[in-house]
Amino acid sequence: MEADGGESVRAELDEIGRRKEQHYEAGLRLTADARQATARALEAGLSPLEISERTGYQSRTVEKWEVRVERANKRGLLAELMKRWRTRGRGGRADASVGS
């Protein structure tokens, strides 16, 4: 009798584990969507406070996302500048100093 009860409890725990994993994955998708929407809202000029009020996320969370968006934009600009710098033949300068 105990084996039957143990199996049903194990099945119930397995189901809870599956549901928890689905819930976690849905939460990750929701957070990713919220971050993207926050980035667009910031670009549109909305304040972190308004974004917080509309989404229900704490203003501190929205402010952290704002900093991440700013960093990403800076990295994108820096990457573009480095790409331009490399395509202008700056590497030739390093080659010239080696031959001297």
N, C-alpha and C. Protein backbone atom coordinates (compact mmCIF):
# COMPACT_ATOMS: atom_id res chain seq x y z
N MET A 1 0.82 -1.19 0.00
CA MET A 1 0.00 0.00 0.00
C MET A 1 0.87 1.25 0.00
N GLU A 2 1.95 1.21 0.77
CA GLU A 2 2.83 2.36 0.88
C GLU A 2 3.46 2.71 -0.47
N ALA A 3 3.79 1.73 -1.27
CA ALA A 3 4.39 1.96 -2.58
C ALA A 3 3.43 2.72 -3.48
N ASP A 4 2.14 2.38 -3.44
CA ASP A 4 1.16 3.09 -4.26
C ASP A 4 1.04 4.54 -3.83
N GLY A 5 0.99 4.76 -2.53
CA GLY A 5 0.91 6.13 -2.01
C GLY A 5 2.15 6.93 -2.34
N GLY A 6 3.30 6.27 -2.26
CA GLY A 6 4.56 6.93 -2.57
C GLY A 6 4.64 7.32 -4.03
N GLU A 7 4.14 6.46 -4.91
CA GLU A 7 4.17 6.76 -6.34
C GLU A 7 3.27 7.94 -6.68
N SER A 8 2.10 8.01 -6.08
CA SER A 8 1.20 9.12 -6.38
C SER A 8 1.76 10.43 -5.85
N VAL A 9 2.41 10.37 -4.70
CA VAL A 9 3.03 11.58 -4.15
C VAL A 9 4.19 12.02 -5.05
N ARG A 10 4.97 11.06 -5.53
CA ARG A 10 6.07 11.40 -6.44
C ARG A 10 5.55 12.02 -7.73
N ALA A 11 4.47 11.47 -8.26
CA ALA A 11 3.88 12.02 -9.48
C ALA A 11 3.39 13.45 -9.23
N GLU A 12 2.80 13.68 -8.07
CA GLU A 12 2.32 15.02 -7.72
C GLU A 12 3.50 15.99 -7.61
N LEU A 13 4.57 15.55 -6.98
CA LEU A 13 5.77 16.41 -6.86
C LEU A 13 6.39 16.69 -8.23
N ASP A 14 6.42 15.67 -9.10
CA ASP A 14 6.93 15.87 -10.46
C ASP A 14 6.11 16.91 -11.21
N GLU A 15 4.79 16.84 -11.04
CA GLU A 15 3.91 17.80 -11.71
C GLU A 15 4.16 19.21 -11.17
N ILE A 16 4.34 19.33 -9.89
CA ILE A 16 4.65 20.65 -9.30
C ILE A 16 5.98 21.16 -9.87
N GLY A 17 6.95 20.29 -9.99
CA GLY A 17 8.24 20.69 -10.57
C GLY A 17 8.10 21.18 -11.99
N ARG A 18 7.29 20.48 -12.80
CA ARG A 18 7.07 20.91 -14.19
C ARG A 18 6.38 22.27 -14.24
N ARG A 19 5.36 22.44 -13.40
CA ARG A 19 4.63 23.71 -13.37
C ARG A 19 5.52 24.85 -12.91
N LYS A 20 6.38 24.58 -11.93
CA LYS A 20 7.31 25.60 -11.43
C LYS A 20 8.27 26.03 -12.53
N GLU A 21 8.77 25.07 -13.29
CA GLU A 21 9.68 25.38 -14.39
C GLU A 21 8.98 26.22 -15.45
N GLN A 22 7.75 25.87 -15.79
CA GLN A 22 6.98 26.66 -16.76
C GLN A 22 6.75 28.08 -16.24
N HIS A 23 6.46 28.19 -14.96
CA HIS A 23 6.23 29.50 -14.35
C HIS A 23 7.51 30.34 -14.41
N TYR A 24 8.64 29.71 -14.12
CA TYR A 24 9.93 30.40 -14.16
C TYR A 24 10.23 30.91 -15.57
N GLU A 25 10.03 30.05 -16.57
CA GLU A 25 10.28 30.43 -17.96
C GLU A 25 9.35 31.55 -18.40
N ALA A 26 8.09 31.50 -17.98
CA ALA A 26 7.14 32.58 -18.31
C ALA A 26 7.58 33.88 -17.66
N GLY A 27 8.10 33.80 -16.45
CA GLY A 27 8.60 34.98 -15.76
C GLY A 27 9.79 35.59 -16.48
N LEU A 28 10.68 34.75 -16.99
CA LEU A 28 11.82 35.26 -17.76
C LEU A 28 11.36 35.98 -19.02
N ARG A 29 10.38 35.38 -19.71
CA ARG A 29 9.86 36.02 -20.93
C ARG A 29 9.21 37.37 -20.60
N LEU A 30 8.43 37.39 -19.52
CA LEU A 30 7.77 38.63 -19.10
C LEU A 30 8.79 39.70 -18.77
N THR A 31 9.84 39.33 -18.05
CA THR A 31 10.88 40.30 -17.69
C THR A 31 11.58 40.82 -18.94
N ALA A 32 11.87 39.94 -19.89
CA ALA A 32 12.51 40.38 -21.14
C ALA A 32 11.61 41.34 -21.89
N ASP A 33 10.32 41.03 -21.96
CA ASP A 33 9.37 41.93 -22.62
C ASP A 33 9.31 43.28 -21.91
N ALA A 34 9.31 43.24 -20.58
CA ALA A 34 9.25 44.48 -19.80
C ALA A 34 10.49 45.33 -20.02
N ARG A 35 11.64 44.70 -20.09
CA ARG A 35 12.89 45.45 -20.33
C ARG A 35 12.87 46.10 -21.70
N GLN A 36 12.41 45.37 -22.70
CA GLN A 36 12.35 45.94 -24.04
C GLN A 36 11.36 47.10 -24.10
N ALA A 37 10.21 46.91 -23.48
CA ALA A 37 9.21 47.98 -23.46
C ALA A 37 9.73 49.19 -22.69
N THR A 38 10.48 48.94 -21.62
CA THR A 38 11.07 50.03 -20.85
C THR A 38 12.06 50.81 -21.70
N ALA A 39 12.87 50.11 -22.46
CA ALA A 39 13.84 50.79 -23.33
C ALA A 39 13.12 51.68 -24.33
N ARG A 40 12.05 51.16 -24.93
CA ARG A 40 11.28 51.97 -25.89
C ARG A 40 10.61 53.16 -25.19
N ALA A 41 10.10 52.93 -23.99
CA ALA A 41 9.44 54.00 -23.25
C ALA A 41 10.43 55.10 -22.87
N LEU A 42 11.64 54.72 -22.47
CA LEU A 42 12.66 55.70 -22.13
C LEU A 42 13.05 56.52 -23.36
N GLU A 43 13.17 55.84 -24.49
CA GLU A 43 13.48 56.55 -25.74
C GLU A 43 12.37 57.52 -26.11
N ALA A 44 11.13 57.17 -25.76
CA ALA A 44 9.98 58.03 -26.05
C ALA A 44 9.85 59.16 -25.04
N GLY A 45 10.70 59.15 -23.99
CA GLY A 45 10.70 60.24 -23.04
C GLY A 45 9.89 60.02 -21.78
N LEU A 46 9.39 58.82 -21.56
CA LEU A 46 8.64 58.54 -20.33
C LEU A 46 9.61 58.43 -19.16
N SER A 47 9.17 58.83 -18.00
CA SER A 47 10.01 58.78 -16.81
C SER A 47 9.97 57.39 -16.19
N PRO A 48 11.01 57.03 -15.47
CA PRO A 48 10.99 55.73 -14.77
C PRO A 48 9.80 55.61 -13.82
N LEU A 49 9.40 56.71 -13.19
CA LEU A 49 8.26 56.67 -12.27
C LEU A 49 6.98 56.30 -13.01
N GLU A 50 6.75 56.91 -14.18
CA GLU A 50 5.55 56.59 -14.96
C GLU A 50 5.58 55.14 -15.44
N ILE A 51 6.75 54.69 -15.88
CA ILE A 51 6.88 53.30 -16.33
C ILE A 51 6.55 52.37 -15.17
N SER A 52 7.07 52.70 -14.00
CA SER A 52 6.81 51.90 -12.81
C SER A 52 5.32 51.85 -12.49
N GLU A 53 4.66 52.99 -12.54
CA GLU A 53 3.23 53.04 -12.23
C GLU A 53 2.41 52.23 -13.24
N ARG A 54 2.81 52.27 -14.50
CA ARG A 54 2.04 51.58 -15.53
C ARG A 54 2.28 50.07 -15.56
N THR A 55 3.50 49.65 -15.20
CA THR A 55 3.82 48.23 -15.28
C THR A 55 3.66 47.48 -13.96
N GLY A 56 3.74 48.21 -12.86
CA GLY A 56 3.68 47.57 -11.56
C GLY A 56 5.04 47.12 -11.06
N TYR A 57 6.09 47.31 -11.87
CA TYR A 57 7.43 47.02 -11.40
C TYR A 57 7.88 48.16 -10.48
N GLN A 58 8.69 47.85 -9.48
CA GLN A 58 9.17 48.87 -8.56
C GLN A 58 10.03 49.88 -9.32
N SER A 59 9.97 51.12 -8.90
CA SER A 59 10.73 52.16 -9.60
C SER A 59 12.23 51.87 -9.58
N ARG A 60 12.71 51.27 -8.51
CA ARG A 60 14.14 50.92 -8.44
C ARG A 60 14.50 49.92 -9.55
N THR A 61 13.64 48.98 -9.82
CA THR A 61 13.87 48.01 -10.89
C THR A 61 13.91 48.71 -12.24
N VAL A 62 12.97 49.60 -12.46
CA VAL A 62 12.92 50.34 -13.72
C VAL A 62 14.17 51.20 -13.87
N GLU A 63 14.61 51.81 -12.78
CA GLU A 63 15.83 52.63 -12.84
C GLU A 63 17.05 51.79 -13.18
N LYS A 64 17.13 50.55 -12.66
CA LYS A 64 18.23 49.66 -13.01
C LYS A 64 18.18 49.34 -14.50
N TRP A 65 16.98 49.10 -15.02
CA TRP A 65 16.85 48.82 -16.44
C TRP A 65 17.28 50.03 -17.26
N GLU A 66 16.95 51.23 -16.77
CA GLU A 66 17.34 52.45 -17.47
C GLU A 66 18.86 52.53 -17.58
N VAL A 67 19.56 52.23 -16.49
CA VAL A 67 21.03 52.24 -16.51
C VAL A 67 21.55 51.21 -17.50
N ARG A 68 20.93 50.04 -17.54
CA ARG A 68 21.37 49.00 -18.49
C ARG A 68 21.16 49.44 -19.92
N VAL A 69 20.05 50.12 -20.19
CA VAL A 69 19.79 50.63 -21.54
C VAL A 69 20.86 51.66 -21.91
N GLU A 70 21.18 52.54 -20.98
CA GLU A 70 22.20 53.55 -21.25
C GLU A 70 23.55 52.91 -21.52
N ARG A 71 23.90 51.90 -20.72
CA ARG A 71 25.17 51.19 -20.94
C ARG A 71 25.18 50.50 -22.30
N ALA A 72 24.08 49.86 -22.64
CA ALA A 72 24.00 49.17 -23.93
C ALA A 72 24.15 50.16 -25.07
N ASN A 73 23.52 51.31 -24.93
CA ASN A 73 23.65 52.33 -25.97
C ASN A 73 25.08 52.81 -26.08
N LYS A 74 25.74 53.01 -24.95
CA LYS A 74 27.14 53.44 -24.97
C LYS A 74 28.02 52.38 -25.60
N ARG A 75 27.77 51.11 -25.24
CA ARG A 75 28.56 50.02 -25.84
C ARG A 75 28.34 49.97 -27.34
N GLY A 76 27.10 50.19 -27.75
CA GLY A 76 26.81 50.19 -29.18
C GLY A 76 27.53 51.31 -29.90
N LEU A 77 27.55 52.49 -29.27
CA LEU A 77 28.26 53.62 -29.86
C LEU A 77 29.76 53.37 -29.88
N LEU A 78 30.27 52.82 -28.79
CA LEU A 78 31.69 52.52 -28.72
C LEU A 78 32.07 51.47 -29.76
N ALA A 79 31.25 50.45 -29.91
CA ALA A 79 31.52 49.41 -30.90
C ALA A 79 31.53 50.01 -32.31
N GLU A 80 30.60 50.91 -32.57
CA GLU A 80 30.55 51.55 -33.88
C GLU A 80 31.79 52.41 -34.11
N LEU A 81 32.22 53.15 -33.10
CA LEU A 81 33.43 53.97 -33.23
C LEU A 81 34.66 53.10 -33.46
N MET A 82 34.76 51.98 -32.73
CA MET A 82 35.89 51.08 -32.92
C MET A 82 35.88 50.49 -34.33
N LYS A 83 34.70 50.15 -34.82
CA LYS A 83 34.58 49.60 -36.17
C LYS A 83 35.04 50.63 -37.19
N ARG A 84 34.60 51.87 -37.03
CA ARG A 84 35.03 52.93 -37.95
C ARG A 84 36.53 53.16 -37.86
N TRP A 85 37.05 53.14 -36.62
CA TRP A 85 38.47 53.36 -36.42
C TRP A 85 39.28 52.29 -37.14
N ARG A 86 38.83 51.03 -37.04
CA ARG A 86 39.55 49.93 -37.68
C ARG A 86 39.48 50.02 -39.20
N THR A 87 38.34 50.47 -39.74
CA THR A 87 38.20 50.51 -41.19
C THR A 87 38.92 51.70 -41.81
N ARG A 88 39.38 52.63 -41.00
CA ARG A 88 40.13 53.77 -41.53
C ARG A 88 41.61 53.47 -41.72
N GLY A 89 42.02 52.28 -41.43
CA GLY A 89 43.41 51.92 -41.65
C GLY A 89 44.32 52.28 -40.50
N ARG A 90 43.77 52.43 -39.30
CA ARG A 90 44.61 52.74 -38.15
C ARG A 90 45.59 51.61 -37.85
N GLY A 91 45.21 50.39 -38.24
CA GLY A 91 46.10 49.25 -38.04
C GLY A 91 47.42 49.42 -38.77
N GLY A 92 47.43 50.17 -39.86
CA GLY A 92 48.64 50.43 -40.61
C GLY A 92 49.67 51.19 -39.80
N ARG A 93 49.21 52.01 -38.89
CA ARG A 93 50.11 52.77 -38.04
C ARG A 93 50.92 51.83 -37.14
N ALA A 94 50.27 50.82 -36.60
CA ALA A 94 50.96 49.86 -35.76
C ALA A 94 51.99 49.07 -36.58
N ASP A 95 51.62 48.75 -37.82
CA ASP A 95 52.54 48.02 -38.68
C ASP A 95 53.77 48.86 -39.00
N ALA A 96 53.58 50.17 -39.20
CA ALA A 96 54.68 51.06 -39.55
C ALA A 96 55.66 51.15 -38.38
N SER A 97 55.16 51.17 -37.14
CA SER A 97 56.07 51.30 -36.01
C SER A 97 56.88 50.02 -35.79
N VAL A 98 56.34 48.89 -36.17
CA VAL A 98 57.06 47.62 -36.04
C VAL A 98 58.25 47.59 -36.98
N GLY A 99 58.09 48.13 -38.19
CA GLY A 99 59.15 48.11 -39.18
C GLY A 99 60.25 49.10 -38.89
N SER A 100 60.05 50.06 -38.01
CA SER A 100 61.03 51.11 -37.75
C SER A 100 62.22 50.61 -36.98
